[in-house]
Protein backbone atom coordinates (compact mmCIF):
# COMPACT_ATOMS: atom_id res chain seq x y z
CA MET A 1 15.78 -49.35 -45.14
CA SER A 2 15.76 -45.55 -45.24
CA GLN A 3 11.96 -45.56 -45.10
CA GLU A 4 12.06 -47.74 -41.98
CA ARG A 5 14.61 -45.41 -40.35
CA SER A 6 12.48 -42.37 -41.20
CA ARG A 7 9.37 -44.03 -39.74
CA ARG A 8 11.20 -44.80 -36.50
CA SER A 9 12.46 -41.22 -36.29
CA ARG A 10 8.94 -39.82 -36.70
CA SER A 11 7.62 -42.26 -34.12
CA GLY A 12 10.35 -41.20 -31.63
CA ARG A 13 9.57 -37.50 -32.16
CA SER A 14 5.85 -38.08 -31.60
CA ARG A 15 6.55 -40.00 -28.36
CA SER A 16 8.84 -37.16 -27.23
CA ARG A 17 6.10 -34.61 -27.91
CA ARG A 18 3.63 -36.71 -25.96
CA ARG A 19 6.02 -36.93 -23.01
CA SER A 20 6.72 -33.16 -22.98
CA ARG A 21 3.06 -32.19 -23.39
CA PRO A 22 1.69 -30.64 -20.17
CA PRO A 23 -0.97 -32.64 -18.33
CA GLU A 24 -4.52 -32.08 -19.44
CA PRO A 25 -6.53 -29.84 -17.10
CA PRO A 26 -9.16 -31.63 -15.05
CA THR A 27 -12.72 -31.60 -16.32
CA GLY A 28 -16.15 -32.08 -14.81
CA ALA A 29 -16.69 -32.07 -11.06
CA LEU A 30 -12.96 -32.08 -10.34
CA ALA A 31 -12.49 -28.87 -12.34
CA ILE A 32 -15.35 -27.19 -10.47
CA VAL A 33 -13.86 -28.15 -7.09
CA GLY A 34 -10.46 -26.86 -8.23
CA ARG A 35 -11.88 -23.51 -9.33
CA ILE A 36 -13.80 -23.11 -6.06
CA SER A 37 -10.74 -23.93 -3.93
CA HIS A 38 -8.60 -21.53 -5.97
CA LEU A 39 -11.19 -18.79 -5.54
CA LEU A 40 -11.48 -19.35 -1.78
CA ILE A 41 -7.72 -19.44 -1.15
CA SER A 42 -7.11 -16.39 -3.35
CA SER A 43 -9.91 -14.47 -1.63
CA LEU A 44 -8.53 -15.27 1.83
CA PHE A 45 -5.04 -14.28 0.73
CA PHE A 46 -6.16 -10.91 -0.63
CA LEU A 47 -8.38 -10.39 2.42
CA LEU A 48 -5.37 -10.85 4.72
CA LEU A 49 -3.39 -8.25 2.78
CA PHE A 50 -6.37 -5.91 2.73
CA ALA A 51 -6.98 -6.14 6.48
CA ALA A 52 -3.36 -6.19 7.72
CA PRO A 53 -3.00 -2.35 7.94
CA MET A 54 -6.15 -1.94 10.05
CA PRO A 55 -4.76 -3.00 13.48
CA MET A 56 -2.10 -0.26 13.70
CA GLY A 57 -0.22 -1.57 10.67
CA ALA A 58 -0.14 -5.06 12.29
CA ASN A 59 2.74 -3.77 14.41
CA ARG A 60 1.57 -5.34 17.65
CA ASP A 61 1.94 -8.96 18.74
CA TRP A 62 -1.82 -9.46 18.98
CA ALA A 63 -2.17 -8.23 15.38
CA TRP A 64 0.66 -9.81 13.40
CA ALA A 65 0.71 -13.21 15.17
CA PRO A 66 -2.75 -14.37 13.91
CA ILE A 67 -1.89 -13.04 10.43
CA VAL A 68 1.33 -15.07 10.38
CA ILE A 69 -0.56 -18.20 11.43
CA ALA A 70 -3.14 -17.67 8.68
CA ILE A 71 -0.38 -17.11 6.11
CA GLY A 72 1.26 -20.38 7.16
CA LEU A 73 -1.99 -22.33 6.77
CA LEU A 74 -2.72 -20.82 3.36
CA SER A 75 0.79 -21.58 2.15
CA VAL A 76 0.31 -25.25 3.03
CA LEU A 77 -2.88 -25.34 0.94
CA VAL A 78 -1.11 -23.68 -1.99
CA ALA A 79 1.81 -26.11 -1.69
CA PHE A 80 -0.62 -29.06 -1.97
CA GLY A 81 -1.94 -27.63 -5.22
CA LEU A 82 -5.38 -26.62 -3.96
CA ALA A 83 -4.97 -23.14 -5.48
CA GLY A 84 -3.85 -24.38 -8.89
CA ARG A 85 -2.16 -27.31 -10.60
CA LEU A 86 1.31 -25.75 -10.42
CA GLY A 87 1.31 -24.80 -6.74
CA PHE A 88 4.86 -23.67 -5.97
CA GLY A 89 6.16 -25.23 -9.19
CA VAL A 90 9.17 -23.65 -10.91
CA ARG A 91 9.48 -22.83 -14.62
CA PRO A 92 12.81 -23.66 -16.27
CA ASP A 93 13.75 -20.03 -16.99
CA GLU A 94 13.28 -18.93 -13.36
CA LYS A 95 15.31 -21.66 -11.68
CA MET A 96 18.58 -19.74 -11.33
CA PRO A 97 17.21 -16.40 -10.03
CA LEU A 98 14.83 -18.25 -7.71
CA LEU A 99 17.69 -20.39 -6.41
CA LEU A 100 19.75 -17.25 -5.76
CA THR A 101 16.85 -15.62 -3.91
CA ALA A 102 16.26 -18.76 -1.85
CA LEU A 103 19.95 -19.03 -0.92
CA CYS A 104 20.03 -15.40 0.24
CA PHE A 105 16.84 -15.83 2.27
CA VAL A 106 17.92 -19.14 3.84
CA GLY A 107 21.32 -17.64 4.60
CA MET A 108 19.71 -14.71 6.40
CA VAL A 109 17.52 -17.07 8.44
CA ALA A 110 20.58 -19.21 9.27
CA VAL A 111 22.47 -16.16 10.54
CA ALA A 112 19.51 -15.13 12.72
CA LEU A 113 19.26 -18.65 14.21
CA PHE A 114 23.03 -18.89 14.73
CA GLN A 115 22.92 -15.65 16.79
CA MET A 116 20.71 -17.41 19.35
CA LEU A 117 23.06 -20.36 19.91
CA PRO A 118 25.70 -20.56 22.66
CA ILE A 119 28.12 -22.15 20.17
CA ALA A 120 28.38 -18.84 18.31
CA PRO A 121 31.58 -16.83 18.89
CA HIS A 122 31.36 -14.01 21.38
CA ALA A 123 30.20 -10.75 19.84
CA GLY A 124 29.47 -7.21 21.02
CA SER A 125 26.93 -8.44 23.55
CA ALA A 126 29.44 -10.57 25.54
CA PRO A 127 30.55 -7.81 27.97
CA TYR A 128 26.94 -7.08 28.88
CA TYR A 129 26.22 -10.77 29.57
CA ALA A 130 29.31 -10.82 31.81
CA GLU A 131 28.17 -7.70 33.67
CA ALA A 132 24.70 -9.17 34.13
CA ALA A 133 26.22 -12.36 35.51
CA ARG A 134 28.33 -10.36 37.97
CA ILE A 135 25.31 -8.40 39.22
CA LEU A 136 22.96 -11.39 39.43
CA GLY A 137 25.56 -13.74 40.87
CA ARG A 138 25.08 -16.46 38.26
CA ALA A 139 26.37 -16.98 34.76
CA THR A 140 24.30 -17.07 31.60
CA SER A 141 25.69 -18.37 28.33
CA ALA A 142 26.61 -15.42 26.14
CA VAL A 143 25.02 -15.38 22.68
CA PRO A 144 25.29 -12.64 20.03
CA SER A 145 21.57 -11.84 20.33
CA VAL A 146 20.73 -9.40 23.10
CA ALA A 147 17.01 -10.29 23.05
CA VAL A 148 16.32 -13.85 21.88
CA ASP A 149 12.54 -13.50 22.23
CA ALA A 150 12.55 -10.44 19.98
CA SER A 151 14.79 -12.30 17.52
CA LEU A 152 12.31 -15.16 17.24
CA ALA A 153 9.39 -12.75 16.77
CA ASP A 154 11.13 -10.85 13.96
CA LEU A 155 12.26 -14.10 12.37
CA MET A 156 8.63 -15.27 12.21
CA LYS A 157 7.69 -12.06 10.37
CA CYS A 158 10.54 -12.56 7.91
CA VAL A 159 9.48 -16.15 7.20
CA ALA A 160 5.88 -14.98 6.73
CA CYS A 161 7.09 -12.43 4.15
CA GLY A 162 8.85 -15.23 2.30
CA LEU A 163 5.64 -17.29 2.26
CA VAL A 164 3.64 -14.29 1.04
CA PHE A 165 6.11 -13.91 -1.83
CA LEU A 166 5.71 -17.56 -2.82
CA MET A 167 1.90 -17.46 -2.58
CA ALA A 168 1.67 -14.27 -4.64
CA ARG A 169 3.95 -15.86 -7.21
CA ALA A 170 1.45 -18.73 -7.47
CA LEU A 171 -1.86 -16.85 -7.13
CA CYS A 172 -0.98 -13.78 -9.22
CA ALA A 173 0.43 -15.56 -12.25
CA SER A 174 -2.77 -14.75 -14.11
CA GLU A 175 -3.71 -11.22 -15.11
CA ASN A 176 -6.91 -11.37 -13.05
CA GLY A 177 -4.98 -12.38 -9.92
CA ALA A 178 -2.44 -9.59 -10.43
CA ARG A 179 -5.15 -6.98 -10.94
CA ALA A 180 -6.94 -8.26 -7.82
CA LEU A 181 -3.76 -7.54 -5.84
CA LEU A 182 -3.66 -3.97 -7.17
CA VAL A 183 -7.32 -3.44 -6.30
CA SER A 184 -6.80 -4.91 -2.81
CA LEU A 185 -4.04 -2.39 -2.10
CA ILE A 186 -6.15 0.55 -3.30
CA ALA A 187 -9.20 -0.58 -1.32
CA SER A 188 -7.11 -1.04 1.83
CA ALA A 189 -5.57 2.43 1.40
CA LEU A 190 -9.04 3.96 1.04
CA LEU A 191 -10.12 2.36 4.31
CA VAL A 192 -6.93 3.54 6.03
CA ILE A 193 -7.32 7.14 4.89
CA GLY A 194 -11.05 7.04 5.64
CA TYR A 195 -10.26 6.17 9.25
CA GLY A 196 -7.61 8.89 9.25
CA MET A 197 -10.13 11.51 8.11
CA LEU A 198 -12.54 10.38 10.82
CA MET A 199 -9.89 10.63 13.57
CA LYS A 200 -8.80 14.00 12.20
CA ARG A 201 -12.29 15.32 12.80
CA GLU A 202 -12.80 13.59 16.16
CA VAL A 203 -9.45 13.95 17.99
CA ASP A 204 -7.17 15.87 15.57
CA SER A 205 -5.43 12.61 14.63
CA CYS A 206 -3.87 12.25 18.09
CA TYR A 207 -5.37 8.79 18.69
CA VAL A 208 -5.25 5.50 16.81
CA GLY A 209 -7.97 3.52 18.52
CA ARG A 210 -7.13 4.01 22.19
CA PHE A 211 -3.44 4.62 21.58
CA LEU A 212 -2.32 8.22 22.22
CA LYS A 213 0.40 9.21 19.75
CA LYS A 214 1.74 12.18 21.73
CA ILE A 215 3.64 12.42 25.01
CA GLY A 216 1.51 13.67 27.89
CA ASP A 217 -2.25 14.15 27.95
CA TYR A 218 -4.48 15.04 25.03
CA VAL A 219 -6.12 18.47 25.26
CA PRO A 220 -9.23 18.68 23.01
CA GLY A 221 -9.11 21.69 20.76
CA GLY A 222 -5.53 22.50 21.69
CA ASP A 223 -3.49 19.54 20.41
CA HIS A 224 -2.97 18.77 16.74
CA CYS A 225 -1.16 15.69 15.42
CA LEU A 226 -0.18 14.65 11.91
CA MET A 227 -2.64 12.35 10.18
CA SER A 228 -1.54 8.71 10.25
CA GLY A 229 -4.72 6.74 9.53
CA THR A 230 -4.56 3.31 11.16
CA PHE A 231 -0.75 3.58 11.49
CA VAL A 232 0.95 5.18 14.48
CA SER A 233 3.58 6.87 12.30
CA SER A 234 2.50 9.45 9.72
CA ASN A 235 5.53 8.43 7.63
CA SER A 236 4.38 4.81 7.36
CA PHE A 237 0.88 6.07 6.58
CA ALA A 238 2.19 8.26 3.74
CA CYS A 239 4.31 5.40 2.40
CA PHE A 240 1.31 3.06 2.29
CA LEU A 241 -0.81 5.67 0.52
CA GLY A 242 2.06 6.25 -1.91
CA MET A 243 2.04 2.56 -2.81
CA ALA A 244 -1.70 2.79 -3.52
CA VAL A 245 -1.25 5.94 -5.64
CA VAL A 246 1.28 4.11 -7.84
CA ALA A 247 -1.07 1.10 -8.07
CA ALA A 248 -3.90 3.40 -9.19
CA LEU A 249 -1.63 4.96 -11.83
CA ALA A 250 -0.76 1.50 -13.14
CA LEU A 251 -4.44 0.63 -13.56
CA ILE A 252 -5.15 4.02 -15.18
CA PHE A 253 -2.34 3.77 -17.72
CA ASN A 254 -2.51 0.03 -18.30
CA ASP A 255 -1.63 -1.25 -21.74
CA ARG A 256 -4.56 -3.62 -22.17
CA ARG A 257 -5.72 -3.18 -25.74
CA SER A 258 -8.00 -5.12 -28.01
CA ARG A 259 -6.56 -6.79 -31.08
CA ARG A 260 -8.32 -4.32 -33.36
CA ARG A 261 -6.97 -1.34 -31.45
CA ARG A 262 -3.41 -2.67 -31.54
CA PHE A 263 -3.72 -3.12 -35.29
CA GLU A 264 -5.06 0.39 -35.82
CA GLU A 265 -2.38 1.98 -33.64
CA GLU A 266 0.39 0.16 -35.47
CA LEU A 267 -0.95 1.35 -38.82
CA GLY A 268 -1.59 4.85 -37.48
CA GLU A 269 -5.18 4.90 -38.79
CA GLU A 270 -6.94 5.93 -35.60
CA ALA A 271 -7.61 9.62 -35.04
CA GLY A 272 -6.03 11.10 -31.92
CA GLU A 273 -9.23 12.78 -30.77
CA ASN A 274 -11.29 9.59 -30.91
CA ARG A 275 -8.54 7.73 -29.10
CA LEU A 276 -8.49 10.31 -26.32
CA VAL A 277 -12.27 10.23 -25.89
CA SER A 278 -12.40 6.43 -25.78
CA TRP A 279 -9.54 6.40 -23.27
CA PHE A 280 -11.55 8.25 -20.60
CA THR A 281 -13.67 5.37 -19.36
CA GLY A 282 -15.69 5.50 -16.15
CA TRP A 283 -13.21 3.13 -14.47
CA ARG A 284 -10.26 5.36 -15.30
CA ILE A 285 -12.05 8.52 -14.15
CA ALA A 286 -12.91 6.83 -10.83
CA LEU A 287 -9.27 5.77 -10.39
CA MET A 288 -8.13 9.33 -11.08
CA GLY A 289 -10.38 10.58 -8.30
CA VAL A 290 -9.06 7.90 -5.95
CA GLY A 291 -5.48 8.80 -6.86
CA PHE A 292 -6.06 12.49 -6.11
CA PHE A 293 -7.72 11.63 -2.80
CA LEU A 294 -4.86 9.37 -1.70
CA PHE A 295 -2.21 11.84 -2.83
CA GLY A 296 -3.98 14.51 -0.80
CA GLY A 297 -3.63 12.24 2.24
CA ILE A 298 0.12 12.07 1.65
CA MET A 299 0.31 15.85 1.58
CA ILE A 300 -1.75 16.21 4.77
CA SER A 301 0.45 13.67 6.56
CA GLY A 302 3.41 16.03 6.18
CA SER A 303 5.79 13.17 5.38
CA ARG A 304 8.66 14.52 3.30
CA ALA A 305 10.21 11.11 2.66
CA GLY A 306 6.80 9.60 1.88
CA PHE A 307 6.14 12.30 -0.70
CA ALA A 308 9.59 11.89 -2.28
CA ALA A 309 9.31 8.07 -2.37
CA THR A 310 5.89 8.31 -4.05
CA VAL A 311 7.34 10.61 -6.72
CA VAL A 312 10.18 8.13 -7.29
CA GLY A 313 7.72 5.23 -7.62
CA ALA A 314 5.47 7.15 -10.03
CA ALA A 315 8.48 8.22 -12.12
CA ALA A 316 9.73 4.61 -12.27
CA LEU A 317 6.31 3.43 -13.41
CA GLY A 318 6.15 6.15 -16.08
CA TYR A 319 9.57 5.23 -17.41
CA ILE A 320 8.69 1.53 -17.57
CA LEU A 321 5.38 2.08 -19.34
CA MET A 322 6.93 4.43 -21.91
CA HIS A 323 10.18 2.51 -22.40
CA GLY A 324 10.69 2.07 -26.13
CA ARG A 325 7.37 3.82 -26.90
CA TRP A 326 8.33 7.51 -26.98
CA ARG A 327 7.37 8.93 -30.35
CA SER A 328 8.77 12.44 -30.04
CA ARG A 329 10.26 14.97 -27.67
CA GLY A 330 6.91 16.71 -27.65
CA GLN A 331 5.28 13.66 -26.08
CA ILE A 332 7.89 13.65 -23.31
CA SER A 333 7.29 17.36 -22.68
CA LYS A 334 3.52 16.90 -22.53
CA THR A 335 3.86 14.02 -20.08
CA LEU A 336 6.17 15.99 -17.79
CA LEU A 337 3.88 19.03 -18.00
CA ALA A 338 0.84 16.91 -17.06
CA ALA A 339 2.72 15.42 -14.10
CA LEU A 340 3.72 18.89 -12.87
CA VAL A 341 0.15 20.19 -13.19
CA VAL A 342 -1.32 17.23 -11.29
CA GLY A 343 1.31 17.39 -8.56
CA GLY A 344 1.00 21.16 -8.25
CA ALA A 345 -2.78 20.97 -7.93
CA ALA A 346 -2.58 18.36 -5.17
CA ALA A 347 0.12 20.35 -3.39
CA PHE A 348 -1.98 23.51 -3.53
CA ILE A 349 -5.05 21.72 -2.16
CA ALA A 350 -3.51 19.72 0.69
CA GLY A 351 0.18 20.52 0.97
CA GLY A 352 0.18 22.90 3.92
CA ALA A 353 1.52 20.39 6.43
CA LEU A 354 4.18 19.18 4.00
CA VAL A 355 5.37 22.70 3.18
CA GLN A 356 5.53 23.50 6.89
CA LYS A 357 7.70 20.44 7.51
CA PHE A 358 10.02 21.32 4.64
CA SER A 359 10.43 24.79 6.08
CA HIS A 360 11.75 23.28 9.35
CA LEU A 361 14.36 20.88 8.00
CA PRO A 362 16.92 21.59 10.76
CA SER A 363 14.34 20.59 13.39
CA GLY A 364 14.79 18.54 16.55
CA ASP A 365 13.42 15.48 14.76
CA VAL A 366 16.14 15.65 12.11
CA LEU A 367 18.87 16.25 14.70
CA ASN A 368 17.66 13.28 16.78
CA ARG A 369 17.72 11.12 13.67
CA MET A 370 21.35 12.09 13.04
CA ILE A 371 22.17 11.01 16.61
CA ILE A 372 20.35 7.71 16.05
CA TRP A 373 22.32 7.04 12.87
CA ARG A 374 25.60 7.84 14.66
CA VAL A 375 24.75 5.40 17.47
CA SER A 376 23.85 2.78 14.86
CA LEU A 377 27.24 3.14 13.18
CA GLN A 378 28.91 2.75 16.57
CA ALA A 379 26.95 -0.45 17.17
CA ILE A 380 28.02 -1.83 13.78
CA ALA A 381 31.66 -1.02 14.57
CA LYS A 382 31.46 -2.90 17.89
CA SER A 383 30.05 -6.09 16.31
CA PRO A 384 30.42 -5.99 12.51
CA TRP A 385 30.37 -9.72 11.73
CA LEU A 386 27.71 -11.32 13.93
CA GLY A 387 25.66 -8.25 14.83
CA TRP A 388 23.57 -7.92 17.98
CA GLY A 389 20.64 -10.19 17.14
CA LEU A 390 17.59 -9.80 14.98
CA GLY A 391 15.03 -7.55 16.71
CA SER A 392 17.54 -6.32 19.32
CA TYR A 393 17.91 -2.74 18.14
CA GLN A 394 15.89 -1.18 20.96
CA ASP A 395 18.13 -2.80 23.61
CA VAL A 396 21.29 -1.93 21.69
CA PHE A 397 20.26 1.71 21.43
CA THR A 398 19.53 1.79 25.16
CA LEU A 399 23.04 0.50 25.86
CA LEU A 400 24.89 2.86 23.51
CA ALA A 401 22.74 6.01 23.40
CA PRO A 402 24.27 9.24 24.76
CA ASN A 403 23.20 10.20 28.27
CA ASP A 404 21.68 13.50 27.15
CA MET A 405 19.18 11.74 24.86
CA THR A 406 16.31 10.73 27.12
CA GLN A 407 13.73 10.01 24.42
CA PRO A 408 13.22 6.23 23.98
CA ASN A 409 13.84 4.83 20.53
CA ASP A 410 13.36 1.38 19.03
CA LYS A 411 14.13 2.02 15.34
CA ALA A 412 17.23 3.14 13.45
CA HIS A 413 15.06 5.11 10.97
CA SER A 414 16.97 3.35 8.20
CA THR A 415 16.12 -0.27 7.50
CA PRO A 416 19.49 -1.15 5.85
CA LEU A 417 21.38 0.43 8.75
CA GLU A 418 19.25 -1.34 11.36
CA THR A 419 19.67 -4.64 9.53
CA MET A 420 23.44 -4.26 9.70
CA VAL A 421 23.23 -3.55 13.43
CA GLU A 422 21.13 -6.65 14.09
CA LEU A 423 22.52 -9.21 11.62
CA GLY A 424 26.03 -7.92 11.08
CA ILE A 425 27.33 -6.86 7.69
CA PRO A 426 27.40 -10.35 6.06
CA GLY A 427 23.92 -11.23 7.30
CA ALA A 428 22.59 -7.83 6.26
CA MET A 429 23.95 -8.29 2.74
CA LEU A 430 22.07 -11.59 2.48
CA ALA A 431 18.85 -10.03 3.78
CA ILE A 432 19.09 -7.04 1.44
CA SER A 433 19.89 -9.29 -1.52
CA ALA A 434 16.80 -11.41 -0.78
CA VAL A 435 14.74 -8.28 -1.49
CA LEU A 436 16.80 -6.75 -4.27
CA VAL A 437 17.00 -9.87 -6.46
CA PRO A 438 13.19 -10.18 -6.94
CA TRP A 439 12.97 -6.40 -7.29
CA LEU A 440 15.55 -6.43 -10.10
CA VAL A 441 13.79 -9.40 -11.71
CA CYS A 442 10.66 -7.25 -11.85
CA TRP A 443 12.65 -4.38 -13.40
CA ARG A 444 14.20 -6.63 -16.05
CA GLY A 445 10.88 -8.30 -16.82
CA ALA A 446 9.06 -4.97 -17.09
CA LEU A 447 11.52 -3.61 -19.67
CA ARG A 448 11.49 -6.80 -21.75
CA ARG A 449 7.76 -7.52 -21.88
CA ARG A 450 5.12 -5.96 -24.10
CA ARG A 451 2.12 -7.93 -22.93
CA ASN A 452 0.89 -6.89 -19.46
CA ARG A 453 3.93 -4.69 -18.97
CA TYR A 454 1.87 -2.49 -16.64
CA LEU A 455 1.57 -5.36 -14.14
CA VAL A 456 5.30 -6.04 -13.91
CA GLY A 457 5.94 -2.29 -13.89
CA ALA A 458 3.41 -1.82 -11.11
CA ALA A 459 5.13 -4.52 -9.03
CA PHE A 460 8.49 -2.80 -9.37
CA ALA A 461 7.17 0.74 -8.82
CA VAL A 462 4.86 -0.09 -5.91
CA ALA A 463 7.70 -1.91 -4.14
CA ALA A 464 10.02 1.01 -4.93
CA VAL A 465 8.02 3.36 -2.67
CA PRO A 466 8.72 1.56 0.67
CA ILE A 467 12.16 0.36 -0.43
CA VAL A 468 13.29 3.92 -1.17
CA HIS A 469 11.44 5.31 1.85
CA SER A 470 13.02 2.76 4.19
CA THR A 471 16.50 4.04 3.49
CA VAL A 472 15.64 6.99 5.78
CA ASP A 473 12.80 5.45 7.81
CA PHE A 474 11.33 2.10 8.86
CA SER A 475 8.12 1.67 6.83
CA LEU A 476 9.34 -1.61 5.32
CA GLN A 477 9.56 -3.01 8.87
CA MET A 478 5.82 -2.51 9.43
CA PRO A 479 4.34 -6.01 8.96
CA ALA A 480 1.39 -4.72 6.91
CA ILE A 481 3.71 -2.92 4.46
CA GLY A 482 6.24 -5.76 4.47
CA PHE A 483 3.55 -8.31 3.59
CA MET A 484 2.22 -6.09 0.78
CA VAL A 485 5.69 -5.50 -0.67
CA SER A 486 6.39 -9.26 -0.60
CA ALA A 487 3.11 -9.88 -2.42
CA PHE A 488 3.94 -7.35 -5.14
CA LEU A 489 7.42 -8.77 -5.61
CA GLY A 490 5.86 -12.22 -5.97
CA MET A 491 3.28 -10.90 -8.43
CA GLY A 492 5.93 -9.11 -10.48
CA TRP A 493 8.09 -12.23 -10.47
CA ALA A 494 5.19 -14.37 -11.76
CA GLN A 495 4.32 -11.86 -14.48
CA ALA A 496 7.98 -11.47 -15.49
CA PHE A 497 8.21 -15.22 -16.17
CA ALA A 498 4.70 -15.57 -17.60
CA PRO A 499 4.29 -17.05 -21.12
CA GLY A 500 5.88 -14.91 -23.82
CA ASP A 501 4.37 -12.03 -25.74
CA PRO A 502 2.31 -12.74 -28.84
CA PRO A 503 4.04 -12.00 -32.12
CA ALA A 504 3.67 -8.45 -33.39
CA MET A 505 0.79 -7.94 -35.83
CA PRO A 506 2.03 -7.75 -39.43
CA ARG A 507 1.91 -4.36 -41.12
CA THR A 508 0.98 -5.71 -44.56
CA PHE A 509 -2.72 -6.12 -43.83
CA THR A 510 -5.02 -3.57 -45.39
CA GLU A 511 -7.89 -4.29 -43.01
CA PRO A 512 -7.89 -5.44 -39.41
CA PRO A 513 -9.12 -8.95 -38.69
CA GLU A 514 -12.57 -9.19 -37.20
């Protein structure tokens, strides 16, 4: 009787294992078709991210609209599983954080849509609708959004960022996909700065294509503008280059090691000199040169916030990579000394414009920004709950700006502040949380993982550059940068929930396995 019970128990366990076993991967022609479709979709996805900064940071309707359409089509293909068997599938351990992120994002979208409906309560815009009705002689239903068309346009960009996040989470779950994203960012930054160097020589950086960046006419030989590459703003240009610098650092100091090398390092049998020589590969030396070149572009741009945000991103990456691996205080000192030497050399070579900007901190630009922030706080106070409508900041500033400020302005030069103006405080908290939750998931995953830690760390640190920079500027609102940040958050999310680390190699072996 006991033998029969034992046999039934073993049979039940075997059936349970068969049921929980993942489906076998396709073989033959079906596998070849799957690999080709995955390669094509991934290539198109990375190509979109690579090319997005070229048309003025994709900050014009004719630039971002086709990109959004392409992102939508690719997301449908990924959802149908043409880029992998999982598609947008969810692992058990990521259900709760992904649900929280989705709720924040859907809540933000719901607030933006509610602002366009006449059923919404009257907000700060109601008096202006009433005045317009009095002047025009006919009534128009008052809605919280001042500019519904602009609200729809910005909402489409936000939805596209959400789709980019989901696609990167699916396409960058493998190490090769994640590294391809890092390389795409670096290659795009090289093209951006290459165009910037060309325009610096041709027109002193005063043009981006046919767009004149200065007020008035351009005088050849007499006008000089800050380098901005394919972006109109030198600050957004510096922020994008800073993201690429951090990506290059992640690839330089990656923790990919062979099994033999891990064994030797754990036993301490490898000589430091041989390790240093073997570390300087041709790939790493090339990345060092690229990093210096891009960092020089940041210095030439004269962006103080871009420089500071890049330093913050690089420091975050360094902390993540060395977390739990410091061997002595001397190693910390050497690392800090190397960072100071590298930064000092780049500053000496190309930091003239940056130093000049730092020497004029109380400039008209800073004073204007203080006025803009004060007007933004006034707008929040007038409509704190429902805001003024997504994408309506330019009209709101026109309504509330002081009479002595004649310079037009369409940005709050602080993305969190502008979000509160447009969505109200509750909606802004949802929008900010939709970014911070994946960012914190990357941070937590980077500190917990040993395998491929550099990828999760790169996702957090690369995203840190525009997130930090956007507290005092608007780089995160540039579609090209917003798409890239969403992709890195998705990549970091996928790597944070990737299969676990292999067990540590035992220290009792006398010889490494072959």
